[in-house]
Amino acid sequence: MQQKLHIRKGDMVRVLTGESRGKDGRVLEVDRKTMSALVEGLNMKAKHSKPTTASPQGGITHKEGPIHLSNLMLLDPKSGEPTRVGRSEQDGKLVRTSKRTGEVIKS
């Protein structure tokens, strides 16, 4: 069984450390193997591409780089502030809850 993560695709998160520290963004993808996530518009990396038939110009494109999950904190849906994540049972299912306000986190 795989470990449950506190961050999922579609969540709003704040970056705690690194070059993008203090910035907020939406999670595009979570990689369970490397325990990292791609956050929309953050940790941008330049990729150099040769001219091809698809893109005859070639050049430099920018895309999001991975950020380790330990450097991300979920934003509370009610207050918009960073919060820790807890788990509680609701209607027989385990749901993520905000430790700050107690709100259920929907994703």
PDB file of N, CA and C in Angstrom:
ATOM      1  N   MET A   1       0.839  -1.190   0.000  1.00  0.00           N
ATOM      2  CA  MET A   1       0.000   0.000   0.000  1.00  0.00           C
ATOM      3  C   MET A   1       0.881   1.249   0.000  1.00  0.00           C
ATOM      4  N   GLN A   2       0.504   2.239  -0.802  1.00  0.00           N
ATOM      5  CA  GLN A   2       1.294   3.458  -0.881  1.00  0.00           C
ATOM      6  C   GLN A   2       0.923   4.421   0.234  1.00  0.00           C
ATOM      7  N   GLN A   3       1.892   5.249   0.581  1.00  0.00           N
ATOM      8  CA  GLN A   3       1.713   6.230   1.638  1.00  0.00           C
ATOM      9  C   GLN A   3       0.723   7.317   1.195  1.00  0.00           C
ATOM     10  N   LYS A   4      -0.162   7.762   2.113  1.00  0.00           N
ATOM     11  CA  LYS A   4      -1.095   8.830   1.799  1.00  0.00           C
ATOM     12  C   LYS A   4      -0.352  10.158   1.876  1.00  0.00           C
ATOM     13  N   LEU A   5      -0.603  11.036   0.907  1.00  0.00           N
ATOM     14  CA  LEU A   5       0.084  12.316   0.839  1.00  0.00           C
ATOM     15  C   LEU A   5      -0.837  13.432   1.306  1.00  0.00           C
ATOM     16  N   HIS A   6      -0.263  14.509   1.831  1.00  0.00           N
ATOM     17  CA  HIS A   6      -1.062  15.628   2.299  1.00  0.00           C
ATOM     18  C   HIS A   6      -1.405  16.600   1.177  1.00  0.00           C
ATOM     19  N   ILE A   7      -0.785  16.419  -0.002  1.00  0.00           N
ATOM     20  CA  ILE A   7      -1.039  17.295  -1.139  1.00  0.00           C
ATOM     21  C   ILE A   7      -1.475  16.450  -2.330  1.00  0.00           C
ATOM     22  N   ARG A   8      -2.500  16.934  -3.039  1.00  0.00           N
ATOM     23  CA  ARG A   8      -3.015  16.247  -4.218  1.00  0.00           C
ATOM     24  C   ARG A   8      -3.068  17.211  -5.391  1.00  0.00           C
ATOM     25  N   LYS A   9      -3.275  16.641  -6.573  1.00  0.00           N
ATOM     26  CA  LYS A   9      -3.417  17.438  -7.788  1.00  0.00           C
ATOM     27  C   LYS A   9      -4.613  18.379  -7.631  1.00  0.00           C
ATOM     28  N   GLY A  10      -4.445  19.635  -8.002  1.00  0.00           N
ATOM     29  CA  GLY A  10      -5.529  20.615  -7.927  1.00  0.00           C
ATOM     30  C   GLY A  10      -5.531  21.446  -6.657  1.00  0.00           C
ATOM     31  N   ASP A  11      -4.728  21.085  -5.653  1.00  0.00           N
ATOM     32  CA  ASP A  11      -4.664  21.839  -4.399  1.00  0.00           C
ATOM     33  C   ASP A  11      -3.936  23.160  -4.592  1.00  0.00           C
ATOM     34  N   MET A  12      -4.302  24.154  -3.785  1.00  0.00           N
ATOM     35  CA  MET A  12      -3.560  25.413  -3.736  1.00  0.00           C
ATOM     36  C   MET A  12      -2.521  25.273  -2.626  1.00  0.00           C
ATOM     37  N   VAL A  13      -1.251  25.579  -2.948  1.00  0.00           N
ATOM     38  CA  VAL A  13      -0.167  25.413  -1.982  1.00  0.00           C
ATOM     39  C   VAL A  13       0.703  26.666  -1.922  1.00  0.00           C
ATOM     40  N   ARG A  14       1.463  26.784  -0.842  1.00  0.00           N
ATOM     41  CA  ARG A  14       2.455  27.850  -0.690  1.00  0.00           C
ATOM     42  C   ARG A  14       3.825  27.191  -0.569  1.00  0.00           C
ATOM     43  N   VAL A  15       4.827  27.771  -1.237  1.00  0.00           N
ATOM     44  CA  VAL A  15       6.185  27.248  -1.201  1.00  0.00           C
ATOM     45  C   VAL A  15       6.872  27.796   0.050  1.00  0.00           C
ATOM     46  N   LEU A  16       7.497  26.901   0.832  1.00  0.00           N
ATOM     47  CA  LEU A  16       8.120  27.280   2.100  1.00  0.00           C
ATOM     48  C   LEU A  16       9.590  27.655   1.953  1.00  0.00           C
ATOM     49  N   THR A  17      10.303  27.018   1.041  1.00  0.00           N
ATOM     50  CA  THR A  17      11.732  27.288   0.893  1.00  0.00           C
ATOM     51  C   THR A  17      12.104  27.339  -0.580  1.00  0.00           C
ATOM     52  N   GLY A  18      13.295  27.842  -0.844  1.00  0.00           N
ATOM     53  CA  GLY A  18      13.805  27.866  -2.209  1.00  0.00           C
ATOM     54  C   GLY A  18      13.581  29.196  -2.894  1.00  0.00           C
ATOM     55  N   GLU A  19      13.842  29.215  -4.181  1.00  0.00           N
ATOM     56  CA  GLU A  19      13.774  30.432  -4.975  1.00  0.00           C
ATOM     57  C   GLU A  19      12.354  31.003  -5.034  1.00  0.00           C
ATOM     58  N   SER A  20      11.357  30.142  -5.032  1.00  0.00           N
ATOM     59  CA  SER A  20       9.948  30.565  -5.131  1.00  0.00           C
ATOM     60  C   SER A  20       9.299  30.713  -3.756  1.00  0.00           C
ATOM     61  N   ARG A  21      10.079  30.901  -2.711  1.00  0.00           N
ATOM     62  CA  ARG A  21       9.552  30.962  -1.340  1.00  0.00           C
ATOM     63  C   ARG A  21       8.475  32.050  -1.195  1.00  0.00           C
ATOM     64  N   GLY A  22       7.376  31.668  -0.537  1.00  0.00           N
ATOM     65  CA  GLY A  22       6.295  32.606  -0.252  1.00  0.00           C
ATOM     66  C   GLY A  22       5.265  32.732  -1.359  1.00  0.00           C
ATOM     67  N   LYS A  23       5.491  32.102  -2.506  1.00  0.00           N
ATOM     68  CA  LYS A  23       4.557  32.206  -3.626  1.00  0.00           C
ATOM     69  C   LYS A  23       3.518  31.082  -3.553  1.00  0.00           C
ATOM     70  N   ASP A  24       2.331  31.380  -4.066  1.00  0.00           N
ATOM     71  CA  ASP A  24       1.230  30.419  -4.078  1.00  0.00           C
ATOM     72  C   ASP A  24       0.992  29.921  -5.495  1.00  0.00           C
ATOM     73  N   GLY A  25       0.481  28.706  -5.604  1.00  0.00           N
ATOM     74  CA  GLY A  25       0.154  28.160  -6.918  1.00  0.00           C
ATOM     75  C   GLY A  25      -0.675  26.904  -6.808  1.00  0.00           C
ATOM     76  N   ARG A  26      -1.199  26.469  -7.945  1.00  0.00           N
ATOM     77  CA  ARG A  26      -2.025  25.262  -8.002  1.00  0.00           C
ATOM     78  C   ARG A  26      -1.156  24.074  -8.419  1.00  0.00           C
ATOM     79  N   VAL A  27      -1.347  22.938  -7.764  1.00  0.00           N
ATOM     80  CA  VAL A  27      -0.580  21.725  -8.064  1.00  0.00           C
ATOM     81  C   VAL A  27      -1.085  21.126  -9.379  1.00  0.00           C
ATOM     82  N   LEU A  28      -0.165  20.935 -10.326  1.00  0.00           N
ATOM     83  CA  LEU A  28      -0.509  20.360 -11.625  1.00  0.00           C
ATOM     84  C   LEU A  28      -0.368  18.846 -11.620  1.00  0.00           C
ATOM     85  N   GLU A  29       0.636  18.364 -10.876  1.00  0.00           N
ATOM     86  CA  GLU A  29       0.949  16.935 -10.910  1.00  0.00           C
ATOM     87  C   GLU A  29       1.725  16.573  -9.646  1.00  0.00           C
ATOM     88  N   VAL A  30       1.482  15.380  -9.109  1.00  0.00           N
ATOM     89  CA  VAL A  30       2.216  14.881  -7.936  1.00  0.00           C
ATOM     90  C   VAL A  30       2.897  13.576  -8.329  1.00  0.00           C
ATOM     91  N   ASP A  31       4.197  13.472  -8.054  1.00  0.00           N
ATOM     92  CA  ASP A  31       4.964  12.264  -8.352  1.00  0.00           C
ATOM     93  C   ASP A  31       5.234  11.540  -7.042  1.00  0.00           C
ATOM     94  N   ARG A  32       4.577  10.403  -6.835  1.00  0.00           N
ATOM     95  CA  ARG A  32       4.711   9.644  -5.586  1.00  0.00           C
ATOM     96  C   ARG A  32       6.101   9.025  -5.439  1.00  0.00           C
ATOM     97  N   LYS A  33       6.719   8.693  -6.562  1.00  0.00           N
ATOM     98  CA  LYS A  33       8.026   8.030  -6.526  1.00  0.00           C
ATOM     99  C   LYS A  33       9.108   8.957  -5.969  1.00  0.00           C
ATOM    100  N   THR A  34       9.129  10.204  -6.449  1.00  0.00           N
ATOM    101  CA  THR A  34      10.154  11.165  -6.008  1.00  0.00           C
ATOM    102  C   THR A  34       9.648  12.086  -4.907  1.00  0.00           C
ATOM    103  N   MET A  35       8.367  11.920  -4.517  1.00  0.00           N
ATOM    104  CA  MET A  35       7.747  12.750  -3.478  1.00  0.00           C
ATOM    105  C   MET A  35       7.855  14.230  -3.834  1.00  0.00           C
ATOM    106  N   SER A  36       7.530  14.560  -5.079  1.00  0.00           N
ATOM    107  CA  SER A  36       7.604  15.945  -5.522  1.00  0.00           C
ATOM    108  C   SER A  36       6.356  16.313  -6.313  1.00  0.00           C
ATOM    109  N   ALA A  37       6.177  17.627  -6.522  1.00  0.00           N
ATOM    110  CA  ALA A  37       5.005  18.120  -7.232  1.00  0.00           C
ATOM    111  C   ALA A  37       5.403  19.222  -8.198  1.00  0.00           C
ATOM    112  N   LEU A  38       4.623  19.363  -9.276  1.00  0.00           N
ATOM    113  CA  LEU A  38       4.784  20.477 -10.198  1.00  0.00           C
ATOM    114  C   LEU A  38       3.718  21.501  -9.830  1.00  0.00           C
ATOM    115  N   VAL A  39       4.153  22.744  -9.575  1.00  0.00           N
ATOM    116  CA  VAL A  39       3.232  23.803  -9.184  1.00  0.00           C
ATOM    117  C   VAL A  39       3.180  24.831 -10.311  1.00  0.00           C
ATOM    118  N   GLU A  40       1.967  25.193 -10.702  1.00  0.00           N
ATOM    119  CA  GLU A  40       1.733  26.073 -11.839  1.00  0.00           C
ATOM    120  C   GLU A  40       2.468  27.414 -11.698  1.00  0.00           C
ATOM    121  N   GLY A  41       3.364  27.700 -12.640  1.00  0.00           N
ATOM    122  CA  GLY A  41       4.061  28.983 -12.685  1.00  0.00           C
ATOM    123  C   GLY A  41       5.214  29.148 -11.707  1.00  0.00           C
ATOM    124  N   LEU A  42       5.568  28.106 -10.961  1.00  0.00           N
ATOM    125  CA  LEU A  42       6.649  28.209  -9.974  1.00  0.00           C
ATOM    126  C   LEU A  42       7.798  27.277 -10.320  1.00  0.00           C
ATOM    127  N   ASN A  43       9.014  27.642  -9.898  1.00  0.00           N
ATOM    128  CA  ASN A  43      10.244  26.865 -10.127  1.00  0.00           C
ATOM    129  C   ASN A  43      10.430  26.603 -11.621  1.00  0.00           C
ATOM    130  N   MET A  44      10.344  27.672 -12.412  1.00  0.00           N
ATOM    131  CA  MET A  44      10.428  27.567 -13.863  1.00  0.00           C
ATOM    132  C   MET A  44      11.848  27.227 -14.309  1.00  0.00           C
ATOM    133  N   LYS A  45      11.961  26.270 -15.213  1.00  0.00           N
ATOM    134  CA  LYS A  45      13.236  25.829 -15.770  1.00  0.00           C
ATOM    135  C   LYS A  45      13.237  26.100 -17.266  1.00  0.00           C
ATOM    136  N   ALA A  46      14.402  26.486 -17.807  1.00  0.00           N
ATOM    137  CA  ALA A  46      14.532  26.732 -19.242  1.00  0.00           C
ATOM    138  C   ALA A  46      14.930  25.440 -19.939  1.00  0.00           C
ATOM    139  N   LYS A  47      14.246  25.120 -21.028  1.00  0.00           N
ATOM    140  CA  LYS A  47      14.568  23.931 -21.809  1.00  0.00           C
ATOM    141  C   LYS A  47      14.923  24.379 -23.222  1.00  0.00           C
ATOM    142  N   HIS A  48      16.116  24.010 -23.653  1.00  0.00           N
ATOM    143  CA  HIS A  48      16.591  24.372 -24.989  1.00  0.00           C
ATOM    144  C   HIS A  48      16.159  23.284 -25.966  1.00  0.00           C
ATOM    145  N   SER A  49      15.535  23.690 -27.064  1.00  0.00           N
ATOM    146  CA  SER A  49      15.075  22.693 -28.035  1.00  0.00           C
ATOM    147  C   SER A  49      15.596  23.030 -29.428  1.00  0.00           C
ATOM    148  N   LYS A  50      15.985  21.980 -30.153  1.00  0.00           N
ATOM    149  CA  LYS A  50      16.470  22.130 -31.521  1.00  0.00           C
ATOM    150  C   LYS A  50      15.273  22.364 -32.450  1.00  0.00           C
ATOM    151  N   PRO A  51      15.498  22.998 -33.593  1.00  0.00           N
ATOM    152  CA  PRO A  51      14.404  23.145 -34.559  1.00  0.00           C
ATOM    153  C   PRO A  51      13.950  21.780 -35.079  1.00  0.00           C
ATOM    154  N   THR A  52      12.656  21.570 -35.126  1.00  0.00           N
ATOM    155  CA  THR A  52      12.073  20.333 -35.660  1.00  0.00           C
ATOM    156  C   THR A  52      10.985  20.716 -36.660  1.00  0.00           C
ATOM    157  N   THR A  53      10.376  19.717 -37.265  1.00  0.00           N
ATOM    158  CA  THR A  53       9.277  20.012 -38.193  1.00  0.00           C
ATOM    159  C   THR A  53       8.066  20.570 -37.440  1.00  0.00           C
ATOM    160  N   ALA A  54       7.882  20.148 -36.222  1.00  0.00           N
ATOM    161  CA  ALA A  54       6.765  20.636 -35.413  1.00  0.00           C
ATOM    162  C   ALA A  54       6.986  22.099 -35.015  1.00  0.00           C
ATOM    163  N   SER A  55       8.214  22.423 -34.582  1.00  0.00           N
ATOM    164  CA  SER A  55       8.550  23.812 -34.241  1.00  0.00           C
ATOM    165  C   SER A  55       9.822  24.202 -34.991  1.00  0.00           C
ATOM    166  N   PRO A  56       9.669  24.765 -36.177  1.00  0.00           N
ATOM    167  CA  PRO A  56      10.843  25.065 -37.016  1.00  0.00           C
ATOM    168  C   PRO A  56      11.768  26.122 -36.411  1.00  0.00           C
ATOM    169  N   GLN A  57      11.248  26.927 -35.501  1.00  0.00           N
ATOM    170  CA  GLN A  57      12.068  27.973 -34.885  1.00  0.00           C
ATOM    171  C   GLN A  57      13.024  27.401 -33.836  1.00  0.00           C
ATOM    172  N   GLY A  58      12.559  26.397 -33.049  1.00  0.00           N
ATOM    173  CA  GLY A  58      13.377  25.882 -31.946  1.00  0.00           C
ATOM    174  C   GLY A  58      13.402  26.915 -30.834  1.00  0.00           C
ATOM    175  N   GLY A  59      14.509  26.985 -30.090  1.00  0.00           N
ATOM    176  CA  GLY A  59      14.669  28.023 -29.076  1.00  0.00           C
ATOM    177  C   GLY A  59      14.530  27.521 -27.660  1.00  0.00           C
ATOM    178  N   ILE A  60      14.218  28.458 -26.769  1.00  0.00           N
ATOM    179  CA  ILE A  60      14.146  28.162 -25.334  1.00  0.00           C
ATOM    180  C   ILE A  60      12.690  28.209 -24.887  1.00  0.00           C
ATOM    181  N   THR A  61      12.240  27.140 -24.245  1.00  0.00           N
ATOM    182  CA  THR A  61      10.896  27.112 -23.663  1.00  0.00           C
ATOM    183  C   THR A  61      11.049  26.981 -22.155  1.00  0.00           C
ATOM    184  N   HIS A  62      10.073  27.497 -21.431  1.00  0.00           N
ATOM    185  CA  HIS A  62      10.102  27.428 -19.965  1.00  0.00           C
ATOM    186  C   HIS A  62       9.007  26.494 -19.488  1.00  0.00           C
ATOM    187  N   LYS A  63       9.351  25.625 -18.522  1.00  0.00           N
ATOM    188  CA  LYS A  63       8.359  24.735 -17.937  1.00  0.00           C
ATOM    189  C   LYS A  63       8.626  24.578 -16.448  1.00  0.00           C
ATOM    190  N   GLU A  64       7.603  24.141 -15.712  1.00  0.00           N
ATOM    191  CA  GLU A  64       7.708  24.003 -14.260  1.00  0.00           C
ATOM    192  C   GLU A  64       8.642  22.861 -13.893  1.00  0.00           C
ATOM    193  N   GLY A  65       9.444  23.096 -12.853  1.00  0.00           N
ATOM    194  CA  GLY A  65      10.308  22.058 -12.318  1.00  0.00           C
ATOM    195  C   GLY A  65       9.694  21.493 -11.048  1.00  0.00           C
ATOM    196  N   PRO A  66      10.099  20.284 -10.647  1.00  0.00           N
ATOM    197  CA  PRO A  66       9.507  19.677  -9.446  1.00  0.00           C
ATOM    198  C   PRO A  66       9.965  20.355  -8.161  1.00  0.00           C
ATOM    199  N   ILE A  67       9.067  20.380  -7.171  1.00  0.00           N
ATOM    200  CA  ILE A  67       9.358  20.890  -5.830  1.00  0.00           C
ATOM    201  C   ILE A  67       9.022  19.769  -4.862  1.00  0.00           C
ATOM    202  N   HIS A  68       9.928  19.481  -3.927  1.00  0.00           N
ATOM    203  CA  HIS A  68       9.691  18.397  -2.963  1.00  0.00           C
ATOM    204  C   HIS A  68       8.492  18.731  -2.085  1.00  0.00           C
ATOM    205  N   LEU A  69       7.699  17.714  -1.757  1.00  0.00           N
ATOM    206  CA  LEU A  69       6.471  17.911  -0.984  1.00  0.00           C
ATOM    207  C   LEU A  69       6.729  18.510   0.393  1.00  0.00           C
ATOM    208  N   SER A  70       7.910  18.268   0.955  1.00  0.00           N
ATOM    209  CA  SER A  70       8.216  18.819   2.278  1.00  0.00           C
ATOM    210  C   SER A  70       8.384  20.333   2.219  1.00  0.00           C
ATOM    211  N   ASN A  71       8.574  20.884   1.023  1.00  0.00           N
ATOM    212  CA  ASN A  71       8.738  22.329   0.860  1.00  0.00           C
ATOM    213  C   ASN A  71       7.441  23.019   0.457  1.00  0.00           C
ATOM    214  N   LEU A  72       6.332  22.282   0.475  1.00  0.00           N
ATOM    215  CA  LEU A  72       5.024  22.833   0.126  1.00  0.00           C
ATOM    216  C   LEU A  72       4.077  22.703   1.307  1.00  0.00           C
ATOM    217  N   MET A  73       3.194  23.694   1.474  1.00  0.00           N
ATOM    218  CA  MET A  73       2.197  23.640   2.526  1.00  0.00           C
ATOM    219  C   MET A  73       0.840  23.989   1.925  1.00  0.00           C
ATOM    220  N   LEU A  74      -0.152  23.186   2.244  1.00  0.00           N
ATOM    221  CA  LEU A  74      -1.498  23.362   1.719  1.00  0.00           C
ATOM    222  C   LEU A  74      -2.110  24.658   2.254  1.00  0.00           C
ATOM    223  N   LEU A  75      -2.869  25.369   1.405  1.00  0.00           N
ATOM    224  CA  LEU A  75      -3.560  26.578   1.839  1.00  0.00           C
ATOM    225  C   LEU A  75      -4.960  26.215   2.319  1.00  0.00           C
ATOM    226  N   ASP A  76      -5.345  26.792   3.460  1.00  0.00           N
ATOM    227  CA  ASP A  76      -6.669  26.551   4.039  1.00  0.00           C
ATOM    228  C   ASP A  76      -7.733  27.080   3.083  1.00  0.00           C
ATOM    229  N   PRO A  77      -8.762  26.271   2.756  1.00  0.00           N
ATOM    230  CA  PRO A  77      -9.786  26.734   1.812  1.00  0.00           C
ATOM    231  C   PRO A  77     -10.614  27.908   2.349  1.00  0.00           C
ATOM    232  N   LYS A  78     -10.722  28.035   3.660  1.00  0.00           N
ATOM    233  CA  LYS A  78     -11.551  29.081   4.256  1.00  0.00           C
ATOM    234  C   LYS A  78     -10.780  30.392   4.411  1.00  0.00           C
ATOM    235  N   SER A  79      -9.575  30.330   5.016  1.00  0.00           N
ATOM    236  CA  SER A  79      -8.840  31.554   5.319  1.00  0.00           C
ATOM    237  C   SER A  79      -7.767  31.899   4.292  1.00  0.00           C
ATOM    238  N   GLY A  80      -7.332  30.920   3.491  1.00  0.00           N
ATOM    239  CA  GLY A  80      -6.286  31.183   2.512  1.00  0.00           C
ATOM    240  C   GLY A  80      -4.887  31.180   3.102  1.00  0.00           C
ATOM    241  N   GLU A  81      -4.764  30.813   4.378  1.00  0.00           N
ATOM    242  CA  GLU A  81      -3.466  30.754   5.048  1.00  0.00           C
ATOM    243  C   GLU A  81      -2.934  29.318   5.021  1.00  0.00           C
ATOM    244  N   PRO A  82      -1.605  29.125   5.127  1.00  0.00           N
ATOM    245  CA  PRO A  82      -1.050  27.767   5.152  1.00  0.00           C
ATOM    246  C   PRO A  82      -1.546  26.994   6.367  1.00  0.00           C
ATOM    247  N   THR A  83      -1.784  25.709   6.183  1.00  0.00           N
ATOM    248  CA  THR A  83      -2.287  24.883   7.276  1.00  0.00           C
ATOM    249  C   THR A  83      -1.715  23.481   7.190  1.00  0.00           C
ATOM    250  N   ARG A  84      -1.659  22.825   8.341  1.00  0.00           N
ATOM    251  CA  ARG A  84      -1.293  21.415   8.356  1.00  0.00           C
ATOM    252  C   ARG A  84      -2.543  20.609   8.026  1.00  0.00           C
ATOM    253  N   VAL A  85      -2.349  19.350   7.641  1.00  0.00           N
ATOM    254  CA  VAL A  85      -3.468  18.518   7.207  1.00  0.00           C
ATOM    255  C   VAL A  85      -3.675  17.378   8.187  1.00  0.00           C
ATOM    256  N   GLY A  86      -4.925  17.183   8.576  1.00  0.00           N
ATOM    257  CA  GLY A  86      -5.283  16.057   9.424  1.00  0.00           C
ATOM    258  C   GLY A  86      -6.250  15.167   8.667  1.00  0.00           C
ATOM    259  N   ARG A  87      -6.561  14.016   9.232  1.00  0.00           N
ATOM    260  CA  ARG A  87      -7.512  13.102   8.602  1.00  0.00           C
ATOM    261  C   ARG A  87      -8.588  12.748   9.615  1.00  0.00           C
ATOM    262  N   SER A  88      -9.830  12.757   9.158  1.00  0.00           N
ATOM    263  CA  SER A  88     -10.932  12.357  10.021  1.00  0.00           C
ATOM    264  C   SER A  88     -11.942  11.578   9.188  1.00  0.00           C
ATOM    265  N   GLU A  89     -12.774  10.809   9.876  1.00  0.00           N
ATOM    266  CA  GLU A  89     -13.747   9.982   9.179  1.00  0.00           C
ATOM    267  C   GLU A  89     -15.061  10.743   9.063  1.00  0.00           C
ATOM    268  N   GLN A  90     -15.615  10.738   7.834  1.00  0.00           N
ATOM    269  CA  GLN A  90     -16.886  11.411   7.602  1.00  0.00           C
ATOM    270  C   GLN A  90     -17.718  10.547   6.668  1.00  0.00           C
ATOM    271  N   ASP A  91     -18.882  10.131   7.111  1.00  0.00           N
ATOM    272  CA  ASP A  91     -19.759   9.237   6.343  1.00  0.00           C
ATOM    273  C   ASP A  91     -19.044   7.948   5.954  1.00  0.00           C
ATOM    274  N   GLY A  92     -18.211   7.426   6.837  1.00  0.00           N
ATOM    275  CA  GLY A  92     -17.513   6.169   6.590  1.00  0.00           C
ATOM    276  C   GLY A  92     -16.290   6.294   5.699  1.00  0.00           C
ATOM    277  N   LYS A  93     -15.955   7.516   5.280  1.00  0.00           N
ATOM    278  CA  LYS A  93     -14.777   7.729   4.439  1.00  0.00           C
ATOM    279  C   LYS A  93     -13.768   8.596   5.171  1.00  0.00           C
ATOM    280  N   LEU A  94     -12.494   8.371   4.880  1.00  0.00           N
ATOM    281  CA  LEU A  94     -11.424   9.175   5.459  1.00  0.00           C
ATOM    282  C   LEU A  94     -11.240  10.419   4.604  1.00  0.00           C
ATOM    283  N   VAL A  95     -11.385  11.606   5.209  1.00  0.00           N
ATOM    284  CA  VAL A  95     -11.254  12.862   4.467  1.00  0.00           C
ATOM    285  C   VAL A  95     -10.133  13.706   5.065  1.00  0.00           C
ATOM    286  N   ARG A  96      -9.558  14.582   4.221  1.00  0.00           N
ATOM    287  CA  ARG A  96      -8.524  15.503   4.705  1.00  0.00           C
ATOM    288  C   ARG A  96      -9.200  16.711   5.343  1.00  0.00           C
ATOM    289  N   THR A  97      -8.682  17.129   6.496  1.00  0.00           N
ATOM    290  CA  THR A  97      -9.226  18.301   7.177  1.00  0.00           C
ATOM    291  C   THR A  97      -8.099  19.281   7.486  1.00  0.00           C
ATOM    292  N   SER A  98      -8.461  20.549   7.576  1.00  0.00           N
ATOM    293  CA  SER A  98      -7.509  21.601   7.896  1.00  0.00           C
ATOM    294  C   SER A  98      -7.318  21.651   9.399  1.00  0.00           C
ATOM    295  N   LYS A  99      -6.066  21.653   9.868  1.00  0.00           N
ATOM    296  CA  LYS A  99      -5.804  21.739  11.310  1.00  0.00           C
ATOM    297  C   LYS A  99      -6.096  23.156  11.814  1.00  0.00           C
ATOM    298  N   ARG A 100      -6.052  24.154  10.928  1.00  0.00           N
ATOM    299  CA  ARG A 100      -6.252  25.551  11.320  1.00  0.00           C
ATOM    300  C   ARG A 100      -7.722  25.842  11.625  1.00  0.00           C
ATOM    301  N   THR A 101      -8.620  25.424  10.722  1.00  0.00           N
ATOM    302  CA  THR A 101     -10.044  25.757  10.897  1.00  0.00           C
ATOM    303  C   THR A 101     -10.932  24.531  11.080  1.00  0.00           C
ATOM    304  N   GLY A 102     -10.427  23.341  10.802  1.00  0.00           N
ATOM    305  CA  GLY A 102     -11.237  22.147  10.918  1.00  0.00           C
ATOM    306  C   GLY A 102     -12.094  21.863   9.703  1.00  0.00           C
ATOM    307  N   GLU A 103     -11.988  22.708   8.659  1.00  0.00           N
ATOM    308  CA  GLU A 103     -12.763  22.547   7.427  1.00  0.00           C
ATOM    309  C   GLU A 103     -12.314  21.301   6.671  1.00  0.00           C
ATOM    310  N   VAL A 104     -13.242  20.644   5.972  1.00  0.00           N
ATOM    311  CA  VAL A 104     -12.908  19.530   5.094  1.00  0.00           C
ATOM    312  C   VAL A 104     -12.292  20.086   3.826  1.00  0.00           C
ATOM    313  N   ILE A 105     -11.181  19.498   3.391  1.00  0.00           N
ATOM    314  CA  ILE A 105     -10.500  19.964   2.201  1.00  0.00           C
ATOM    315  C   ILE A 105     -10.981  19.143   1.023  1.00  0.00           C
ATOM    316  N   LYS A 106     -11.599  19.814   0.058  1.00  0.00           N
ATOM    317  CA  LYS A 106     -12.098  19.144  -1.135  1.00  0.00           C
ATOM    318  C   LYS A 106     -11.092  19.353  -2.248  1.00  0.00           C
ATOM    319  N   SER A 107     -10.885  18.300  -3.059  1.00  0.00           N
ATOM    320  CA  SER A 107      -9.953  18.460  -4.176  1.00  0.00           C
ATOM    321  C   SER A 107     -10.558  17.960  -5.458  1.00  0.00           C
TER     322      SER A 107
END
